[in-house]
Amino acid sequence: MPFDPPAEPFTAEGVPAPETGRRAGVLLVHGFTSTPASMVPWARHLAATGLGVSVPLLPGHGTVWQDLNRTRWADWYAEVERAFEKLRADVDDVVVAGLSLGGALALRLAADRGREVAGVVVVNPAVATERKDVLALPVLQHLVPSLPGIASDIRKAGVAEVAYTRTPLRAAHSMMAGWKALRADLPKVTQPLLMFLSAEDHVVDPSSARAVRARVSSRDLTERLLENSYHVATLDHDAPRLFEESAQFVRRVTGP
């Protein structure tokens, strides 16, 4: 059964900056079990400032949760790479950004592509966990197809995330394997990095932020605490601030 509103990709063309005549673009990547709908308000804000924007739909998402169990980290990353190449063909400079799993995929792209990525913005990035129950995941994934979902961790009343209500375990196991490889390569992330962290997050624990902070090689690293938001901060109370500060960051790292 399709989502309402539909879980569709979003794109917007950028316009040349008055100072340089160059076009800048931002690739926004949604989280695990989620959809582009969690990123579209952010994307629209960036587009309104003249930035090109691409929000792809990761494979296995936006349909039924069983489809996600048929995909793996490599499938999601391949779509991120495809969207990156398409956006890069249309603009001069690209910043990659993401929420949760999307943040991990953005960091993976930055580690792999080096100078092709002008900067990185992550919101509550997921690259590690301290939860002990995940130790059973390698076996549990073969016995139980899914567990209750992690969607809509949002403080703002009346706001819901367009996402699955179940967490597919085979896909979750692949995601965590991707985290392990990424953590080893975080020192390859040298680009300017802006990291937004919610003061209260019921999905991603502080071990992820600690890993990013300790391992990346970015000399230009800025952290912003979101005092009034839970995990899906792009739809929460602090979203306007997140949108504006990220737009300023993009202009700074892609400017003269």
Protein backbone atom coordinates (compact mmCIF):
# COMPACT_ATOMS: atom_id res chain seq x y z
CA MET A 1 0.00 0.00 0.00
CA PRO A 2 1.56 3.34 -1.02
CA PHE A 3 2.32 6.01 1.53
CA ASP A 4 0.23 9.16 1.73
CA PRO A 5 1.89 11.59 1.20
CA PRO A 6 3.87 9.63 -1.40
CA ALA A 7 7.44 8.69 -0.54
CA GLU A 8 8.99 10.14 -3.66
CA PRO A 9 12.46 11.53 -4.44
CA PHE A 10 12.82 15.30 -4.55
CA THR A 11 15.03 17.46 -6.77
CA ALA A 12 15.48 21.17 -7.39
CA GLU A 13 17.81 23.01 -9.74
CA GLY A 14 20.35 25.42 -8.35
CA VAL A 15 21.02 28.95 -9.54
CA PRO A 16 24.44 30.60 -9.91
CA ALA A 17 25.69 32.47 -6.85
CA PRO A 18 25.81 36.24 -7.54
CA GLU A 19 29.37 36.54 -6.23
CA THR A 20 30.96 33.74 -8.24
CA GLY A 21 28.51 32.53 -10.86
CA ARG A 22 29.01 28.99 -9.56
CA ARG A 23 26.20 26.60 -8.67
CA ALA A 24 26.23 24.65 -5.41
CA GLY A 25 24.15 21.60 -4.65
CA VAL A 26 23.24 19.50 -1.62
CA LEU A 27 22.59 15.76 -1.59
CA LEU A 28 20.23 14.91 1.30
CA VAL A 29 19.91 11.28 2.43
CA HIS A 30 17.05 10.00 4.59
CA GLY A 31 17.25 7.50 7.43
CA PHE A 32 16.67 3.77 7.89
CA THR A 33 13.02 2.72 7.27
CA SER A 34 12.21 6.35 6.43
CA THR A 35 11.58 8.22 3.14
CA PRO A 36 12.49 11.49 1.41
CA ALA A 37 9.45 13.05 3.13
CA SER A 38 11.57 13.46 6.28
CA MET A 39 14.03 15.58 4.29
CA VAL A 40 11.77 17.53 1.93
CA PRO A 41 11.14 20.52 4.26
CA TRP A 42 14.92 20.90 4.60
CA ALA A 43 15.34 20.44 0.85
CA ARG A 44 12.75 23.11 0.07
CA HIS A 45 14.47 25.58 2.39
CA LEU A 46 17.83 25.00 0.71
CA ALA A 47 16.28 25.25 -2.74
CA ALA A 48 14.68 28.56 -1.80
CA THR A 49 18.17 29.97 -1.19
CA GLY A 50 19.23 29.01 -4.73
CA LEU A 51 20.94 25.73 -3.97
CA GLY A 52 20.45 22.67 -6.12
CA VAL A 53 19.02 19.78 -4.11
CA SER A 54 18.64 16.03 -4.55
CA VAL A 55 16.83 13.73 -2.11
CA PRO A 56 16.92 10.15 -3.43
CA LEU A 57 14.69 7.29 -2.26
CA LEU A 58 16.91 4.53 -0.92
CA PRO A 59 16.18 1.03 -2.30
CA GLY A 60 13.73 -0.99 -0.22
CA HIS A 61 12.18 2.12 1.28
CA GLY A 62 8.85 3.78 0.59
CA THR A 63 6.90 0.59 -0.19
CA VAL A 64 6.47 -2.21 2.37
CA TRP A 65 8.97 -3.19 5.06
CA GLN A 66 9.49 -6.64 3.54
CA ASP A 67 11.13 -4.96 0.54
CA LEU A 68 13.77 -3.45 2.81
CA ASN A 69 14.78 -6.91 4.00
CA ARG A 70 15.68 -7.71 0.38
CA THR A 71 18.22 -4.89 0.21
CA ARG A 72 21.57 -4.25 1.84
CA TRP A 73 24.01 -1.42 2.63
CA ALA A 74 25.62 -1.79 -0.81
CA ASP A 75 22.26 -1.15 -2.49
CA TRP A 76 21.60 2.01 -0.48
CA TYR A 77 25.11 3.32 -1.06
CA ALA A 78 24.90 2.64 -4.79
CA GLU A 79 21.79 4.85 -4.97
CA VAL A 80 23.56 7.59 -3.01
CA GLU A 81 26.47 7.42 -5.46
CA ARG A 82 24.09 7.54 -8.43
CA ALA A 83 22.31 10.61 -7.05
CA PHE A 84 25.65 12.24 -6.26
CA GLU A 85 26.94 11.78 -9.80
CA LYS A 86 23.73 13.19 -11.25
CA LEU A 87 23.80 16.24 -8.99
CA ARG A 88 27.52 16.77 -9.59
CA ALA A 89 26.86 16.92 -13.32
CA ASP A 90 24.48 19.84 -12.78
CA VAL A 91 26.41 21.96 -10.24
CA ASP A 92 29.97 23.04 -9.52
CA ASP A 93 30.21 22.06 -5.84
CA VAL A 94 28.36 19.41 -3.82
CA VAL A 95 27.78 19.13 -0.08
CA VAL A 96 26.48 15.79 1.20
CA ALA A 97 24.10 15.61 4.15
CA GLY A 98 22.01 13.02 5.93
CA LEU A 99 19.93 12.01 8.91
CA SER A 100 20.74 8.88 10.94
CA LEU A 101 21.61 6.14 8.40
CA GLY A 102 21.65 8.94 5.83
CA GLY A 103 24.37 10.61 7.87
CA ALA A 104 26.42 7.42 7.80
CA LEU A 105 26.01 7.15 4.02
CA ALA A 106 27.01 10.82 3.64
CA LEU A 107 30.16 10.20 5.68
CA ARG A 108 30.89 7.08 3.58
CA LEU A 109 30.65 9.15 0.41
CA ALA A 110 32.88 11.85 1.85
CA ALA A 111 35.49 9.26 2.83
CA ASP A 112 35.42 7.70 -0.62
CA ARG A 113 35.21 10.80 -2.82
CA GLY A 114 37.57 13.18 -1.07
CA ARG A 115 37.80 16.56 -2.78
CA GLU A 116 34.75 15.85 -4.92
CA VAL A 117 32.74 16.55 -1.76
CA ALA A 118 32.92 20.17 -0.57
CA GLY A 119 31.45 19.59 2.89
CA VAL A 120 29.34 17.29 5.06
CA VAL A 121 26.28 17.94 7.24
CA VAL A 122 24.99 15.16 9.50
CA VAL A 123 21.97 15.10 11.80
CA ASN A 124 22.06 12.49 14.58
CA PRO A 125 24.30 10.24 12.45
CA ALA A 126 24.14 6.50 13.13
CA VAL A 127 27.53 4.79 12.98
CA ALA A 128 27.61 2.77 16.23
CA THR A 129 25.47 1.56 19.11
CA GLU A 130 25.88 0.57 22.76
CA ARG A 131 22.74 -1.60 22.76
CA LYS A 132 23.55 -5.13 23.90
CA ASP A 133 20.58 -6.73 22.15
CA VAL A 134 22.17 -6.15 18.73
CA LEU A 135 24.71 -8.84 19.60
CA ALA A 136 21.97 -11.36 18.86
CA LEU A 137 21.18 -9.85 15.47
CA PRO A 138 23.36 -12.19 13.36
CA VAL A 139 21.23 -15.13 14.57
CA LEU A 140 17.95 -13.33 15.21
CA GLN A 141 17.72 -12.02 11.64
CA HIS A 142 17.22 -15.61 10.45
CA LEU A 143 14.51 -16.34 13.01
CA VAL A 144 12.48 -13.12 13.19
CA PRO A 145 11.89 -10.99 10.08
CA SER A 146 11.18 -7.72 11.90
CA LEU A 147 10.66 -5.97 15.22
CA PRO A 148 8.57 -2.90 16.14
CA GLY A 149 9.63 0.22 14.24
CA ILE A 150 11.75 3.18 15.25
CA ALA A 151 9.90 5.85 13.26
CA SER A 152 8.48 9.19 14.43
CA ASP A 153 10.84 9.90 17.31
CA ILE A 154 9.68 13.52 17.20
CA ARG A 155 9.03 15.84 20.12
CA LYS A 156 6.73 18.19 18.24
CA ALA A 157 3.09 17.26 18.80
CA GLY A 158 1.04 16.15 15.83
CA VAL A 159 3.99 15.42 13.54
CA ALA A 160 4.60 11.92 12.18
CA GLU A 161 7.38 10.54 10.01
CA VAL A 162 6.49 8.79 6.74
CA ALA A 163 8.25 5.51 7.49
CA TYR A 164 7.77 1.81 8.14
CA THR A 165 6.15 0.69 11.37
CA ARG A 166 8.46 -2.35 11.48
CA THR A 167 12.27 -2.65 11.59
CA PRO A 168 13.45 -5.35 9.13
CA LEU A 169 16.23 -7.30 10.83
CA ARG A 170 18.21 -8.56 7.84
CA ALA A 171 18.50 -4.99 6.60
CA ALA A 172 19.39 -3.77 10.09
CA HIS A 173 22.17 -6.34 10.32
CA SER A 174 23.58 -5.16 6.99
CA MET A 175 23.39 -1.54 8.15
CA MET A 176 25.46 -2.31 11.25
CA ALA A 177 28.03 -4.19 9.19
CA GLY A 178 28.28 -1.04 7.07
CA TRP A 179 28.83 0.99 10.21
CA LYS A 180 31.84 -1.12 11.18
CA ALA A 181 33.56 -0.59 7.85
CA LEU A 182 32.73 3.11 7.92
CA ARG A 183 34.18 3.64 11.41
CA ALA A 184 37.49 2.24 10.18
CA ASP A 185 37.48 4.77 7.32
CA LEU A 186 36.29 7.86 9.20
CA PRO A 187 39.86 9.26 9.29
CA LYS A 188 39.49 9.66 5.50
CA VAL A 189 36.80 12.30 6.12
CA THR A 190 38.74 15.57 5.83
CA GLN A 191 36.03 17.94 4.59
CA PRO A 192 34.40 20.69 6.67
CA LEU A 193 31.82 18.95 8.85
CA LEU A 194 28.70 20.31 10.55
CA MET A 195 27.08 17.90 13.02
CA PHE A 196 23.67 18.49 14.58
CA LEU A 197 22.89 16.43 17.68
CA SER A 198 19.58 16.26 19.52
CA ALA A 199 19.79 16.63 23.29
CA GLU A 200 17.34 13.73 23.62
CA ASP A 201 17.46 10.97 21.00
CA HIS A 202 15.62 7.67 21.52
CA VAL A 203 17.02 6.00 18.39
CA VAL A 204 20.75 6.75 18.15
CA ASP A 205 22.83 6.73 21.34
CA PRO A 206 25.84 9.00 22.05
CA SER A 207 28.39 6.40 20.91
CA SER A 208 27.82 7.45 17.29
CA ALA A 209 28.65 11.10 17.87
CA ARG A 210 31.68 10.10 19.93
CA ALA A 211 32.95 7.89 17.10
CA VAL A 212 32.51 10.63 14.50
CA ARG A 213 34.09 13.25 16.73
CA ALA A 214 37.08 11.07 17.63
CA ARG A 215 37.85 9.57 14.22
CA VAL A 216 37.25 12.10 11.45
CA SER A 217 40.20 14.16 10.25
CA SER A 218 38.15 17.30 9.58
CA ARG A 219 39.90 20.35 10.98
CA ASP A 220 36.76 22.38 10.36
CA LEU A 221 34.31 20.54 12.67
CA THR A 222 31.29 22.31 14.13
CA GLU A 223 28.74 20.77 16.51
CA ARG A 224 25.30 22.18 17.18
CA LEU A 225 23.07 20.92 20.01
CA LEU A 226 19.34 20.77 19.26
CA GLU A 227 17.74 21.32 22.65
CA ASN A 228 14.11 20.88 21.64
CA SER A 229 14.15 17.96 19.21
CA TYR A 230 14.25 14.17 19.28
CA HIS A 231 15.84 11.95 16.62
CA VAL A 232 13.98 13.14 13.50
CA ALA A 233 15.13 16.71 14.02
CA THR A 234 14.37 17.67 10.41
CA LEU A 235 10.65 17.55 11.31
CA ASP A 236 10.94 18.80 14.88
CA HIS A 237 10.97 22.10 16.79
CA ASP A 238 14.59 22.95 15.92
CA ALA A 239 14.15 22.34 12.19
CA PRO A 240 14.11 26.04 11.16
CA ARG A 241 17.43 26.62 12.91
CA LEU A 242 18.89 23.45 11.41
CA PHE A 243 17.79 24.51 7.94
CA GLU A 244 19.19 28.02 8.20
CA GLU A 245 22.53 27.09 9.77
CA SER A 246 23.09 24.33 7.24
CA ALA A 247 22.35 26.74 4.37
CA GLN A 248 24.92 29.15 5.77
CA PHE A 249 27.44 26.32 6.09
CA VAL A 250 26.91 25.25 2.47
CA ARG A 251 27.42 28.79 1.22
CA ARG A 252 30.56 29.13 3.31
CA VAL A 253 32.25 25.91 2.19
CA THR A 254 31.31 26.37 -1.47
CA GLY A 255 31.99 30.12 -1.61
CA PRO A 256 35.07 32.06 -2.69
